[in-house]
Amino acid sequence: MRRNAAELAKMRRAGKVVAEMHERTRDAVRPGVTTRELDAVARDVLDRRGATSNFLGYHGFPAVICTSPNEMIVHGIPGDYRLEEGDIISIDCGAIVEGYHGDAAYTMAVGEVPAGARRLMEVTERSLWAGIDKLRKGHRLHEVGRAVQDVAEAAGFSVVREYVGHAIGTAMHEQPQVPNYWPGTPGPTLKSGMVFAVEPMVNAGGPQTKLLDDGWSVVTADGSLSAHFEHTIAVTDDGPEVFTLP
């Protein structure tokens, strides 16, 4: 669906709230902090900005952010887990402003981490930006996934298949989906006003995943580290516009 100028303005505002959630939670990440405390930081941003969480209550999800450490890929529930030196932590945030959604994620180091973990995060973020660069009027949507896959696999990593990006607007998850790999077909032609959440999930080992007993947390099947980066981006006449940058 193509969004008009008024709709895009609301999505920009939602994106800025998400960007602030990122900034504040990044500042709070350190050894000894619990993931529940990070959720409280994000809740404070939503309250101060007069925004609503699109995570809280989503199919029963109990928090405003997802916190996924180390081998956890996505959808980790904030709780008593206490960050340790050498962890990596993925934080996924969302916000609603006047009925329009923003959604973004990042992965960062907790103190000093091994070189392999740092490289995984760097490559995953680079794969996101390679995908974003393909969100141009006249391109085909699945060029995004091909770009993500090319960057990740060239570095020796694997791309998760079961969980993908998505269009976004008056709902957090809209159609069409945005695979982080080449699915064999080019997908729809991109037009100005379309808005997508692109979110590569890249594993240090194989691409297989496993759902934990809580019904939410998804981990790598082989126990390898995973990184996750995401932005909300509009296709414009002048190229991609990222709404969730600080």
Foldseek 3Di string as FASTA:
>chain_A
DFADPVQVVQQLLQLQLLLVLVVQLVVVFAFFDFQVVSQVSSVVSCVVSVWDAQQDCPVNQHTQKAKAKWQWQTQHHTDGDGDHQAIKIKIKGKIGGPLWIWIKMAIDGHHDHDPVVVVQRVLQVVLQVQLQQQQEAFFFQQVSLCSSQVSQVVVVKGWAFPDFKAWTTSHRHDDDTRGNHRPPDRHDGHDFRTKIKGKTKIWNDYRDWDADPVRGTIGHPVSTTITMTIFIWTHHNVGIDTSNHD
